Amino acid sequence: CPVKEAYPGDAYVDIVSMDIYLSN
């Protein structure tokens, strides 16, 4: 999830990621 206020914190995360579906 690329939303700053939602980030769980470094103590809970190993990898940060996004899902990207371009329209074209």
PDBML (XML) file of the C-alpha atoms, coordinates in Angstrom:
<?xml version="1.0" encoding="UTF-8" ?>
<PDBx:datablock datablockName="MODEL"
   xmlns:PDBx="http://pdbml.pdb.org/schema/pdbx-v50.xsd"
   xmlns:xsi="http://www.w3.org/2001/XMLSchema-instance"
   xsi:schemaLocation="http://pdbml.pdb.org/schema/pdbx-v50.xsd pdbx-v50.xsd">
   <PDBx:atom_siteCategory>
      <PDBx:atom_site id="1">
         <PDBx:B_iso_or_equiv>0.00</PDBx:B_iso_or_equiv>
         <PDBx:Cartn_x>0.000</PDBx:Cartn_x>
         <PDBx:Cartn_y>0.000</PDBx:Cartn_y>
         <PDBx:Cartn_z>0.000</PDBx:Cartn_z>
         <PDBx:auth_asym_id>A</PDBx:auth_asym_id>
         <PDBx:auth_atom_id>CA</PDBx:auth_atom_id>
         <PDBx:auth_comp_id>CYS</PDBx:auth_comp_id>
         <PDBx:auth_seq_id>1</PDBx:auth_seq_id>
         <PDBx:group_PDB>ATOM</PDBx:group_PDB>
         <PDBx:label_alt_id xsi:nil="true" />
         <PDBx:label_asym_id>A</PDBx:label_asym_id>
         <PDBx:label_atom_id>CA</PDBx:label_atom_id>
         <PDBx:label_comp_id>CYS</PDBx:label_comp_id>
         <PDBx:label_entity_id>1</PDBx:label_entity_id>
         <PDBx:label_seq_id>1</PDBx:label_seq_id>
         <PDBx:occupancy>1.00</PDBx:occupancy>
         <PDBx:pdbx_PDB_model_num>1</PDBx:pdbx_PDB_model_num>
         <PDBx:type_symbol>C</PDBx:type_symbol>
      </PDBx:atom_site>
      <PDBx:atom_site id="2">
         <PDBx:B_iso_or_equiv>0.00</PDBx:B_iso_or_equiv>
         <PDBx:Cartn_x>1.514</PDBx:Cartn_x>
         <PDBx:Cartn_y>3.353</PDBx:Cartn_y>
         <PDBx:Cartn_z>-1.053</PDBx:Cartn_z>
         <PDBx:auth_asym_id>A</PDBx:auth_asym_id>
         <PDBx:auth_atom_id>CA</PDBx:auth_atom_id>
         <PDBx:auth_comp_id>PRO</PDBx:auth_comp_id>
         <PDBx:auth_seq_id>2</PDBx:auth_seq_id>
         <PDBx:group_PDB>ATOM</PDBx:group_PDB>
         <PDBx:label_alt_id xsi:nil="true" />
         <PDBx:label_asym_id>A</PDBx:label_asym_id>
         <PDBx:label_atom_id>CA</PDBx:label_atom_id>
         <PDBx:label_comp_id>PRO</PDBx:label_comp_id>
         <PDBx:label_entity_id>1</PDBx:label_entity_id>
         <PDBx:label_seq_id>2</PDBx:label_seq_id>
         <PDBx:occupancy>1.00</PDBx:occupancy>
         <PDBx:pdbx_PDB_model_num>1</PDBx:pdbx_PDB_model_num>
         <PDBx:type_symbol>C</PDBx:type_symbol>
      </PDBx:atom_site>
      <PDBx:atom_site id="3">
         <PDBx:B_iso_or_equiv>0.00</PDBx:B_iso_or_equiv>
         <PDBx:Cartn_x>-0.306</PDBx:Cartn_x>
         <PDBx:Cartn_y>5.477</PDBx:Cartn_y>
         <PDBx:Cartn_z>1.550</PDBx:Cartn_z>
         <PDBx:auth_asym_id>A</PDBx:auth_asym_id>
         <PDBx:auth_atom_id>CA</PDBx:auth_atom_id>
         <PDBx:auth_comp_id>VAL</PDBx:auth_comp_id>
         <PDBx:auth_seq_id>3</PDBx:auth_seq_id>
         <PDBx:group_PDB>ATOM</PDBx:group_PDB>
         <PDBx:label_alt_id xsi:nil="true" />
         <PDBx:label_asym_id>A</PDBx:label_asym_id>
         <PDBx:label_atom_id>CA</PDBx:label_atom_id>
         <PDBx:label_comp_id>VAL</PDBx:label_comp_id>
         <PDBx:label_entity_id>1</PDBx:label_entity_id>
         <PDBx:label_seq_id>3</PDBx:label_seq_id>
         <PDBx:occupancy>1.00</PDBx:occupancy>
         <PDBx:pdbx_PDB_model_num>1</PDBx:pdbx_PDB_model_num>
         <PDBx:type_symbol>C</PDBx:type_symbol>
      </PDBx:atom_site>
      <PDBx:atom_site id="4">
         <PDBx:B_iso_or_equiv>0.00</PDBx:B_iso_or_equiv>
         <PDBx:Cartn_x>1.911</PDBx:Cartn_x>
         <PDBx:Cartn_y>7.195</PDBx:Cartn_y>
         <PDBx:Cartn_z>4.114</PDBx:Cartn_z>
         <PDBx:auth_asym_id>A</PDBx:auth_asym_id>
         <PDBx:auth_atom_id>CA</PDBx:auth_atom_id>
         <PDBx:auth_comp_id>LYS</PDBx:auth_comp_id>
         <PDBx:auth_seq_id>4</PDBx:auth_seq_id>
         <PDBx:group_PDB>ATOM</PDBx:group_PDB>
         <PDBx:label_alt_id xsi:nil="true" />
         <PDBx:label_asym_id>A</PDBx:label_asym_id>
         <PDBx:label_atom_id>CA</PDBx:label_atom_id>
         <PDBx:label_comp_id>LYS</PDBx:label_comp_id>
         <PDBx:label_entity_id>1</PDBx:label_entity_id>
         <PDBx:label_seq_id>4</PDBx:label_seq_id>
         <PDBx:occupancy>1.00</PDBx:occupancy>
         <PDBx:pdbx_PDB_model_num>1</PDBx:pdbx_PDB_model_num>
         <PDBx:type_symbol>C</PDBx:type_symbol>
      </PDBx:atom_site>
      <PDBx:atom_site id="5">
         <PDBx:B_iso_or_equiv>0.00</PDBx:B_iso_or_equiv>
         <PDBx:Cartn_x>-0.525</PDBx:Cartn_x>
         <PDBx:Cartn_y>7.386</PDBx:Cartn_y>
         <PDBx:Cartn_z>7.029</PDBx:Cartn_z>
         <PDBx:auth_asym_id>A</PDBx:auth_asym_id>
         <PDBx:auth_atom_id>CA</PDBx:auth_atom_id>
         <PDBx:auth_comp_id>GLU</PDBx:auth_comp_id>
         <PDBx:auth_seq_id>5</PDBx:auth_seq_id>
         <PDBx:group_PDB>ATOM</PDBx:group_PDB>
         <PDBx:label_alt_id xsi:nil="true" />
         <PDBx:label_asym_id>A</PDBx:label_asym_id>
         <PDBx:label_atom_id>CA</PDBx:label_atom_id>
         <PDBx:label_comp_id>GLU</PDBx:label_comp_id>
         <PDBx:label_entity_id>1</PDBx:label_entity_id>
         <PDBx:label_seq_id>5</PDBx:label_seq_id>
         <PDBx:occupancy>1.00</PDBx:occupancy>
         <PDBx:pdbx_PDB_model_num>1</PDBx:pdbx_PDB_model_num>
         <PDBx:type_symbol>C</PDBx:type_symbol>
      </PDBx:atom_site>
      <PDBx:atom_site id="6">
         <PDBx:B_iso_or_equiv>0.00</PDBx:B_iso_or_equiv>
         <PDBx:Cartn_x>-1.261</PDBx:Cartn_x>
         <PDBx:Cartn_y>3.650</PDBx:Cartn_y>
         <PDBx:Cartn_z>6.696</PDBx:Cartn_z>
         <PDBx:auth_asym_id>A</PDBx:auth_asym_id>
         <PDBx:auth_atom_id>CA</PDBx:auth_atom_id>
         <PDBx:auth_comp_id>ALA</PDBx:auth_comp_id>
         <PDBx:auth_seq_id>6</PDBx:auth_seq_id>
         <PDBx:group_PDB>ATOM</PDBx:group_PDB>
         <PDBx:label_alt_id xsi:nil="true" />
         <PDBx:label_asym_id>A</PDBx:label_asym_id>
         <PDBx:label_atom_id>CA</PDBx:label_atom_id>
         <PDBx:label_comp_id>ALA</PDBx:label_comp_id>
         <PDBx:label_entity_id>1</PDBx:label_entity_id>
         <PDBx:label_seq_id>6</PDBx:label_seq_id>
         <PDBx:occupancy>1.00</PDBx:occupancy>
         <PDBx:pdbx_PDB_model_num>1</PDBx:pdbx_PDB_model_num>
         <PDBx:type_symbol>C</PDBx:type_symbol>
      </PDBx:atom_site>
      <PDBx:atom_site id="7">
         <PDBx:B_iso_or_equiv>0.00</PDBx:B_iso_or_equiv>
         <PDBx:Cartn_x>2.317</PDBx:Cartn_x>
         <PDBx:Cartn_y>2.351</PDBx:Cartn_y>
         <PDBx:Cartn_z>6.835</PDBx:Cartn_z>
         <PDBx:auth_asym_id>A</PDBx:auth_asym_id>
         <PDBx:auth_atom_id>CA</PDBx:auth_atom_id>
         <PDBx:auth_comp_id>TYR</PDBx:auth_comp_id>
         <PDBx:auth_seq_id>7</PDBx:auth_seq_id>
         <PDBx:group_PDB>ATOM</PDBx:group_PDB>
         <PDBx:label_alt_id xsi:nil="true" />
         <PDBx:label_asym_id>A</PDBx:label_asym_id>
         <PDBx:label_atom_id>CA</PDBx:label_atom_id>
         <PDBx:label_comp_id>TYR</PDBx:label_comp_id>
         <PDBx:label_entity_id>1</PDBx:label_entity_id>
         <PDBx:label_seq_id>7</PDBx:label_seq_id>
         <PDBx:occupancy>1.00</PDBx:occupancy>
         <PDBx:pdbx_PDB_model_num>1</PDBx:pdbx_PDB_model_num>
         <PDBx:type_symbol>C</PDBx:type_symbol>
      </PDBx:atom_site>
      <PDBx:atom_site id="8">
         <PDBx:B_iso_or_equiv>0.00</PDBx:B_iso_or_equiv>
         <PDBx:Cartn_x>2.476</PDBx:Cartn_x>
         <PDBx:Cartn_y>-0.184</PDBx:Cartn_y>
         <PDBx:Cartn_z>9.730</PDBx:Cartn_z>
         <PDBx:auth_asym_id>A</PDBx:auth_asym_id>
         <PDBx:auth_atom_id>CA</PDBx:auth_atom_id>
         <PDBx:auth_comp_id>PRO</PDBx:auth_comp_id>
         <PDBx:auth_seq_id>8</PDBx:auth_seq_id>
         <PDBx:group_PDB>ATOM</PDBx:group_PDB>
         <PDBx:label_alt_id xsi:nil="true" />
         <PDBx:label_asym_id>A</PDBx:label_asym_id>
         <PDBx:label_atom_id>CA</PDBx:label_atom_id>
         <PDBx:label_comp_id>PRO</PDBx:label_comp_id>
         <PDBx:label_entity_id>1</PDBx:label_entity_id>
         <PDBx:label_seq_id>8</PDBx:label_seq_id>
         <PDBx:occupancy>1.00</PDBx:occupancy>
         <PDBx:pdbx_PDB_model_num>1</PDBx:pdbx_PDB_model_num>
         <PDBx:type_symbol>C</PDBx:type_symbol>
      </PDBx:atom_site>
      <PDBx:atom_site id="9">
         <PDBx:B_iso_or_equiv>0.00</PDBx:B_iso_or_equiv>
         <PDBx:Cartn_x>6.053</PDBx:Cartn_x>
         <PDBx:Cartn_y>0.768</PDBx:Cartn_y>
         <PDBx:Cartn_z>10.636</PDBx:Cartn_z>
         <PDBx:auth_asym_id>A</PDBx:auth_asym_id>
         <PDBx:auth_atom_id>CA</PDBx:auth_atom_id>
         <PDBx:auth_comp_id>GLY</PDBx:auth_comp_id>
         <PDBx:auth_seq_id>9</PDBx:auth_seq_id>
         <PDBx:group_PDB>ATOM</PDBx:group_PDB>
         <PDBx:label_alt_id xsi:nil="true" />
         <PDBx:label_asym_id>A</PDBx:label_asym_id>
         <PDBx:label_atom_id>CA</PDBx:label_atom_id>
         <PDBx:label_comp_id>GLY</PDBx:label_comp_id>
         <PDBx:label_entity_id>1</PDBx:label_entity_id>
         <PDBx:label_seq_id>9</PDBx:label_seq_id>
         <PDBx:occupancy>1.00</PDBx:occupancy>
         <PDBx:pdbx_PDB_model_num>1</PDBx:pdbx_PDB_model_num>
         <PDBx:type_symbol>C</PDBx:type_symbol>
      </PDBx:atom_site>
      <PDBx:atom_site id="10">
         <PDBx:B_iso_or_equiv>0.00</PDBx:B_iso_or_equiv>
         <PDBx:Cartn_x>9.467</PDBx:Cartn_x>
         <PDBx:Cartn_y>-0.697</PDBx:Cartn_y>
         <PDBx:Cartn_z>9.958</PDBx:Cartn_z>
         <PDBx:auth_asym_id>A</PDBx:auth_asym_id>
         <PDBx:auth_atom_id>CA</PDBx:auth_atom_id>
         <PDBx:auth_comp_id>ASP</PDBx:auth_comp_id>
         <PDBx:auth_seq_id>10</PDBx:auth_seq_id>
         <PDBx:group_PDB>ATOM</PDBx:group_PDB>
         <PDBx:label_alt_id xsi:nil="true" />
         <PDBx:label_asym_id>A</PDBx:label_asym_id>
         <PDBx:label_atom_id>CA</PDBx:label_atom_id>
         <PDBx:label_comp_id>ASP</PDBx:label_comp_id>
         <PDBx:label_entity_id>1</PDBx:label_entity_id>
         <PDBx:label_seq_id>10</PDBx:label_seq_id>
         <PDBx:occupancy>1.00</PDBx:occupancy>
         <PDBx:pdbx_PDB_model_num>1</PDBx:pdbx_PDB_model_num>
         <PDBx:type_symbol>C</PDBx:type_symbol>
      </PDBx:atom_site>
      <PDBx:atom_site id="11">
         <PDBx:B_iso_or_equiv>0.00</PDBx:B_iso_or_equiv>
         <PDBx:Cartn_x>9.119</PDBx:Cartn_x>
         <PDBx:Cartn_y>-3.119</PDBx:Cartn_y>
         <PDBx:Cartn_z>12.864</PDBx:Cartn_z>
         <PDBx:auth_asym_id>A</PDBx:auth_asym_id>
         <PDBx:auth_atom_id>CA</PDBx:auth_atom_id>
         <PDBx:auth_comp_id>ALA</PDBx:auth_comp_id>
         <PDBx:auth_seq_id>11</PDBx:auth_seq_id>
         <PDBx:group_PDB>ATOM</PDBx:group_PDB>
         <PDBx:label_alt_id xsi:nil="true" />
         <PDBx:label_asym_id>A</PDBx:label_asym_id>
         <PDBx:label_atom_id>CA</PDBx:label_atom_id>
         <PDBx:label_comp_id>ALA</PDBx:label_comp_id>
         <PDBx:label_entity_id>1</PDBx:label_entity_id>
         <PDBx:label_seq_id>11</PDBx:label_seq_id>
         <PDBx:occupancy>1.00</PDBx:occupancy>
         <PDBx:pdbx_PDB_model_num>1</PDBx:pdbx_PDB_model_num>
         <PDBx:type_symbol>C</PDBx:type_symbol>
      </PDBx:atom_site>
      <PDBx:atom_site id="12">
         <PDBx:B_iso_or_equiv>0.00</PDBx:B_iso_or_equiv>
         <PDBx:Cartn_x>6.301</PDBx:Cartn_x>
         <PDBx:Cartn_y>-4.917</PDBx:Cartn_y>
         <PDBx:Cartn_z>11.012</PDBx:Cartn_z>
         <PDBx:auth_asym_id>A</PDBx:auth_asym_id>
         <PDBx:auth_atom_id>CA</PDBx:auth_atom_id>
         <PDBx:auth_comp_id>TYR</PDBx:auth_comp_id>
         <PDBx:auth_seq_id>12</PDBx:auth_seq_id>
         <PDBx:group_PDB>ATOM</PDBx:group_PDB>
         <PDBx:label_alt_id xsi:nil="true" />
         <PDBx:label_asym_id>A</PDBx:label_asym_id>
         <PDBx:label_atom_id>CA</PDBx:label_atom_id>
         <PDBx:label_comp_id>TYR</PDBx:label_comp_id>
         <PDBx:label_entity_id>1</PDBx:label_entity_id>
         <PDBx:label_seq_id>12</PDBx:label_seq_id>
         <PDBx:occupancy>1.00</PDBx:occupancy>
         <PDBx:pdbx_PDB_model_num>1</PDBx:pdbx_PDB_model_num>
         <PDBx:type_symbol>C</PDBx:type_symbol>
      </PDBx:atom_site>
      <PDBx:atom_site id="13">
         <PDBx:B_iso_or_equiv>0.00</PDBx:B_iso_or_equiv>
         <PDBx:Cartn_x>7.507</PDBx:Cartn_x>
         <PDBx:Cartn_y>-4.871</PDBx:Cartn_y>
         <PDBx:Cartn_z>7.410</PDBx:Cartn_z>
         <PDBx:auth_asym_id>A</PDBx:auth_asym_id>
         <PDBx:auth_atom_id>CA</PDBx:auth_atom_id>
         <PDBx:auth_comp_id>VAL</PDBx:auth_comp_id>
         <PDBx:auth_seq_id>13</PDBx:auth_seq_id>
         <PDBx:group_PDB>ATOM</PDBx:group_PDB>
         <PDBx:label_alt_id xsi:nil="true" />
         <PDBx:label_asym_id>A</PDBx:label_asym_id>
         <PDBx:label_atom_id>CA</PDBx:label_atom_id>
         <PDBx:label_comp_id>VAL</PDBx:label_comp_id>
         <PDBx:label_entity_id>1</PDBx:label_entity_id>
         <PDBx:label_seq_id>13</PDBx:label_seq_id>
         <PDBx:occupancy>1.00</PDBx:occupancy>
         <PDBx:pdbx_PDB_model_num>1</PDBx:pdbx_PDB_model_num>
         <PDBx:type_symbol>C</PDBx:type_symbol>
      </PDBx:atom_site>
      <PDBx:atom_site id="14">
         <PDBx:B_iso_or_equiv>0.00</PDBx:B_iso_or_equiv>
         <PDBx:Cartn_x>10.224</PDBx:Cartn_x>
         <PDBx:Cartn_y>-6.596</PDBx:Cartn_y>
         <PDBx:Cartn_z>5.392</PDBx:Cartn_z>
         <PDBx:auth_asym_id>A</PDBx:auth_asym_id>
         <PDBx:auth_atom_id>CA</PDBx:auth_atom_id>
         <PDBx:auth_comp_id>ASP</PDBx:auth_comp_id>
         <PDBx:auth_seq_id>14</PDBx:auth_seq_id>
         <PDBx:group_PDB>ATOM</PDBx:group_PDB>
         <PDBx:label_alt_id xsi:nil="true" />
         <PDBx:label_asym_id>A</PDBx:label_asym_id>
         <PDBx:label_atom_id>CA</PDBx:label_atom_id>
         <PDBx:label_comp_id>ASP</PDBx:label_comp_id>
         <PDBx:label_entity_id>1</PDBx:label_entity_id>
         <PDBx:label_seq_id>14</PDBx:label_seq_id>
         <PDBx:occupancy>1.00</PDBx:occupancy>
         <PDBx:pdbx_PDB_model_num>1</PDBx:pdbx_PDB_model_num>
         <PDBx:type_symbol>C</PDBx:type_symbol>
      </PDBx:atom_site>
      <PDBx:atom_site id="15">
         <PDBx:B_iso_or_equiv>0.00</PDBx:B_iso_or_equiv>
         <PDBx:Cartn_x>9.272</PDBx:Cartn_x>
         <PDBx:Cartn_y>-5.552</PDBx:Cartn_y>
         <PDBx:Cartn_z>1.857</PDBx:Cartn_z>
         <PDBx:auth_asym_id>A</PDBx:auth_asym_id>
         <PDBx:auth_atom_id>CA</PDBx:auth_atom_id>
         <PDBx:auth_comp_id>ILE</PDBx:auth_comp_id>
         <PDBx:auth_seq_id>15</PDBx:auth_seq_id>
         <PDBx:group_PDB>ATOM</PDBx:group_PDB>
         <PDBx:label_alt_id xsi:nil="true" />
         <PDBx:label_asym_id>A</PDBx:label_asym_id>
         <PDBx:label_atom_id>CA</PDBx:label_atom_id>
         <PDBx:label_comp_id>ILE</PDBx:label_comp_id>
         <PDBx:label_entity_id>1</PDBx:label_entity_id>
         <PDBx:label_seq_id>15</PDBx:label_seq_id>
         <PDBx:occupancy>1.00</PDBx:occupancy>
         <PDBx:pdbx_PDB_model_num>1</PDBx:pdbx_PDB_model_num>
         <PDBx:type_symbol>C</PDBx:type_symbol>
      </PDBx:atom_site>
      <PDBx:atom_site id="16">
         <PDBx:B_iso_or_equiv>0.00</PDBx:B_iso_or_equiv>
         <PDBx:Cartn_x>7.269</PDBx:Cartn_x>
         <PDBx:Cartn_y>-2.568</PDBx:Cartn_y>
         <PDBx:Cartn_z>0.625</PDBx:Cartn_z>
         <PDBx:auth_asym_id>A</PDBx:auth_asym_id>
         <PDBx:auth_atom_id>CA</PDBx:auth_atom_id>
         <PDBx:auth_comp_id>VAL</PDBx:auth_comp_id>
         <PDBx:auth_seq_id>16</PDBx:auth_seq_id>
         <PDBx:group_PDB>ATOM</PDBx:group_PDB>
         <PDBx:label_alt_id xsi:nil="true" />
         <PDBx:label_asym_id>A</PDBx:label_asym_id>
         <PDBx:label_atom_id>CA</PDBx:label_atom_id>
         <PDBx:label_comp_id>VAL</PDBx:label_comp_id>
         <PDBx:label_entity_id>1</PDBx:label_entity_id>
         <PDBx:label_seq_id>16</PDBx:label_seq_id>
         <PDBx:occupancy>1.00</PDBx:occupancy>
         <PDBx:pdbx_PDB_model_num>1</PDBx:pdbx_PDB_model_num>
         <PDBx:type_symbol>C</PDBx:type_symbol>
      </PDBx:atom_site>
      <PDBx:atom_site id="17">
         <PDBx:B_iso_or_equiv>0.00</PDBx:B_iso_or_equiv>
         <PDBx:Cartn_x>5.331</PDBx:Cartn_x>
         <PDBx:Cartn_y>-3.100</PDBx:Cartn_y>
         <PDBx:Cartn_z>-2.575</PDBx:Cartn_z>
         <PDBx:auth_asym_id>A</PDBx:auth_asym_id>
         <PDBx:auth_atom_id>CA</PDBx:auth_atom_id>
         <PDBx:auth_comp_id>SER</PDBx:auth_comp_id>
         <PDBx:auth_seq_id>17</PDBx:auth_seq_id>
         <PDBx:group_PDB>ATOM</PDBx:group_PDB>
         <PDBx:label_alt_id xsi:nil="true" />
         <PDBx:label_asym_id>A</PDBx:label_asym_id>
         <PDBx:label_atom_id>CA</PDBx:label_atom_id>
         <PDBx:label_comp_id>SER</PDBx:label_comp_id>
         <PDBx:label_entity_id>1</PDBx:label_entity_id>
         <PDBx:label_seq_id>17</PDBx:label_seq_id>
         <PDBx:occupancy>1.00</PDBx:occupancy>
         <PDBx:pdbx_PDB_model_num>1</PDBx:pdbx_PDB_model_num>
         <PDBx:type_symbol>C</PDBx:type_symbol>
      </PDBx:atom_site>
      <PDBx:atom_site id="18">
         <PDBx:B_iso_or_equiv>0.00</PDBx:B_iso_or_equiv>
         <PDBx:Cartn_x>2.770</PDBx:Cartn_x>
         <PDBx:Cartn_y>-1.777</PDBx:Cartn_y>
         <PDBx:Cartn_z>-5.025</PDBx:Cartn_z>
         <PDBx:auth_asym_id>A</PDBx:auth_asym_id>
         <PDBx:auth_atom_id>CA</PDBx:auth_atom_id>
         <PDBx:auth_comp_id>MET</PDBx:auth_comp_id>
         <PDBx:auth_seq_id>18</PDBx:auth_seq_id>
         <PDBx:group_PDB>ATOM</PDBx:group_PDB>
         <PDBx:label_alt_id xsi:nil="true" />
         <PDBx:label_asym_id>A</PDBx:label_asym_id>
         <PDBx:label_atom_id>CA</PDBx:label_atom_id>
         <PDBx:label_comp_id>MET</PDBx:label_comp_id>
         <PDBx:label_entity_id>1</PDBx:label_entity_id>
         <PDBx:label_seq_id>18</PDBx:label_seq_id>
         <PDBx:occupancy>1.00</PDBx:occupancy>
         <PDBx:pdbx_PDB_model_num>1</PDBx:pdbx_PDB_model_num>
         <PDBx:type_symbol>C</PDBx:type_symbol>
      </PDBx:atom_site>
      <PDBx:atom_site id="19">
         <PDBx:B_iso_or_equiv>0.00</PDBx:B_iso_or_equiv>
         <PDBx:Cartn_x>0.278</PDBx:Cartn_x>
         <PDBx:Cartn_y>-3.281</PDBx:Cartn_y>
         <PDBx:Cartn_z>-7.443</PDBx:Cartn_z>
         <PDBx:auth_asym_id>A</PDBx:auth_asym_id>
         <PDBx:auth_atom_id>CA</PDBx:auth_atom_id>
         <PDBx:auth_comp_id>ASP</PDBx:auth_comp_id>
         <PDBx:auth_seq_id>19</PDBx:auth_seq_id>
         <PDBx:group_PDB>ATOM</PDBx:group_PDB>
         <PDBx:label_alt_id xsi:nil="true" />
         <PDBx:label_asym_id>A</PDBx:label_asym_id>
         <PDBx:label_atom_id>CA</PDBx:label_atom_id>
         <PDBx:label_comp_id>ASP</PDBx:label_comp_id>
         <PDBx:label_entity_id>1</PDBx:label_entity_id>
         <PDBx:label_seq_id>19</PDBx:label_seq_id>
         <PDBx:occupancy>1.00</PDBx:occupancy>
         <PDBx:pdbx_PDB_model_num>1</PDBx:pdbx_PDB_model_num>
         <PDBx:type_symbol>C</PDBx:type_symbol>
      </PDBx:atom_site>
      <PDBx:atom_site id="20">
         <PDBx:B_iso_or_equiv>0.00</PDBx:B_iso_or_equiv>
         <PDBx:Cartn_x>0.240</PDBx:Cartn_x>
         <PDBx:Cartn_y>-1.361</PDBx:Cartn_y>
         <PDBx:Cartn_z>-10.730</PDBx:Cartn_z>
         <PDBx:auth_asym_id>A</PDBx:auth_asym_id>
         <PDBx:auth_atom_id>CA</PDBx:auth_atom_id>
         <PDBx:auth_comp_id>ILE</PDBx:auth_comp_id>
         <PDBx:auth_seq_id>20</PDBx:auth_seq_id>
         <PDBx:group_PDB>ATOM</PDBx:group_PDB>
         <PDBx:label_alt_id xsi:nil="true" />
         <PDBx:label_asym_id>A</PDBx:label_asym_id>
         <PDBx:label_atom_id>CA</PDBx:label_atom_id>
         <PDBx:label_comp_id>ILE</PDBx:label_comp_id>
         <PDBx:label_entity_id>1</PDBx:label_entity_id>
         <PDBx:label_seq_id>20</PDBx:label_seq_id>
         <PDBx:occupancy>1.00</PDBx:occupancy>
         <PDBx:pdbx_PDB_model_num>1</PDBx:pdbx_PDB_model_num>
         <PDBx:type_symbol>C</PDBx:type_symbol>
      </PDBx:atom_site>
      <PDBx:atom_site id="21">
         <PDBx:B_iso_or_equiv>0.00</PDBx:B_iso_or_equiv>
         <PDBx:Cartn_x>-2.256</PDBx:Cartn_x>
         <PDBx:Cartn_y>-1.817</PDBx:Cartn_y>
         <PDBx:Cartn_z>-13.556</PDBx:Cartn_z>
         <PDBx:auth_asym_id>A</PDBx:auth_asym_id>
         <PDBx:auth_atom_id>CA</PDBx:auth_atom_id>
         <PDBx:auth_comp_id>TYR</PDBx:auth_comp_id>
         <PDBx:auth_seq_id>21</PDBx:auth_seq_id>
         <PDBx:group_PDB>ATOM</PDBx:group_PDB>
         <PDBx:label_alt_id xsi:nil="true" />
         <PDBx:label_asym_id>A</PDBx:label_asym_id>
         <PDBx:label_atom_id>CA</PDBx:label_atom_id>
         <PDBx:label_comp_id>TYR</PDBx:label_comp_id>
         <PDBx:label_entity_id>1</PDBx:label_entity_id>
         <PDBx:label_seq_id>21</PDBx:label_seq_id>
         <PDBx:occupancy>1.00</PDBx:occupancy>
         <PDBx:pdbx_PDB_model_num>1</PDBx:pdbx_PDB_model_num>
         <PDBx:type_symbol>C</PDBx:type_symbol>
      </PDBx:atom_site>
      <PDBx:atom_site id="22">
         <PDBx:B_iso_or_equiv>0.00</PDBx:B_iso_or_equiv>
         <PDBx:Cartn_x>-1.794</PDBx:Cartn_x>
         <PDBx:Cartn_y>0.793</PDBx:Cartn_y>
         <PDBx:Cartn_z>-16.255</PDBx:Cartn_z>
         <PDBx:auth_asym_id>A</PDBx:auth_asym_id>
         <PDBx:auth_atom_id>CA</PDBx:auth_atom_id>
         <PDBx:auth_comp_id>LEU</PDBx:auth_comp_id>
         <PDBx:auth_seq_id>22</PDBx:auth_seq_id>
         <PDBx:group_PDB>ATOM</PDBx:group_PDB>
         <PDBx:label_alt_id xsi:nil="true" />
         <PDBx:label_asym_id>A</PDBx:label_asym_id>
         <PDBx:label_atom_id>CA</PDBx:label_atom_id>
         <PDBx:label_comp_id>LEU</PDBx:label_comp_id>
         <PDBx:label_entity_id>1</PDBx:label_entity_id>
         <PDBx:label_seq_id>22</PDBx:label_seq_id>
         <PDBx:occupancy>1.00</PDBx:occupancy>
         <PDBx:pdbx_PDB_model_num>1</PDBx:pdbx_PDB_model_num>
         <PDBx:type_symbol>C</PDBx:type_symbol>
      </PDBx:atom_site>
      <PDBx:atom_site id="23">
         <PDBx:B_iso_or_equiv>0.00</PDBx:B_iso_or_equiv>
         <PDBx:Cartn_x>-4.827</PDBx:Cartn_x>
         <PDBx:Cartn_y>1.532</PDBx:Cartn_y>
         <PDBx:Cartn_z>-18.413</PDBx:Cartn_z>
         <PDBx:auth_asym_id>A</PDBx:auth_asym_id>
         <PDBx:auth_atom_id>CA</PDBx:auth_atom_id>
         <PDBx:auth_comp_id>SER</PDBx:auth_comp_id>
         <PDBx:auth_seq_id>23</PDBx:auth_seq_id>
         <PDBx:group_PDB>ATOM</PDBx:group_PDB>
         <PDBx:label_alt_id xsi:nil="true" />
         <PDBx:label_asym_id>A</PDBx:label_asym_id>
         <PDBx:label_atom_id>CA</PDBx:label_atom_id>
         <PDBx:label_comp_id>SER</PDBx:label_comp_id>
         <PDBx:label_entity_id>1</PDBx:label_entity_id>
         <PDBx:label_seq_id>23</PDBx:label_seq_id>
         <PDBx:occupancy>1.00</PDBx:occupancy>
         <PDBx:pdbx_PDB_model_num>1</PDBx:pdbx_PDB_model_num>
         <PDBx:type_symbol>C</PDBx:type_symbol>
      </PDBx:atom_site>
      <PDBx:atom_site id="24">
         <PDBx:B_iso_or_equiv>0.00</PDBx:B_iso_or_equiv>
         <PDBx:Cartn_x>-2.657</PDBx:Cartn_x>
         <PDBx:Cartn_y>1.334</PDBx:Cartn_y>
         <PDBx:Cartn_z>-21.528</PDBx:Cartn_z>
         <PDBx:auth_asym_id>A</PDBx:auth_asym_id>
         <PDBx:auth_atom_id>CA</PDBx:auth_atom_id>
         <PDBx:auth_comp_id>ASN</PDBx:auth_comp_id>
         <PDBx:auth_seq_id>24</PDBx:auth_seq_id>
         <PDBx:group_PDB>ATOM</PDBx:group_PDB>
         <PDBx:label_alt_id xsi:nil="true" />
         <PDBx:label_asym_id>A</PDBx:label_asym_id>
         <PDBx:label_atom_id>CA</PDBx:label_atom_id>
         <PDBx:label_comp_id>ASN</PDBx:label_comp_id>
         <PDBx:label_entity_id>1</PDBx:label_entity_id>
         <PDBx:label_seq_id>24</PDBx:label_seq_id>
         <PDBx:occupancy>1.00</PDBx:occupancy>
         <PDBx:pdbx_PDB_model_num>1</PDBx:pdbx_PDB_model_num>
         <PDBx:type_symbol>C</PDBx:type_symbol>
      </PDBx:atom_site>
   </PDBx:atom_siteCategory>
</PDBx:datablock>
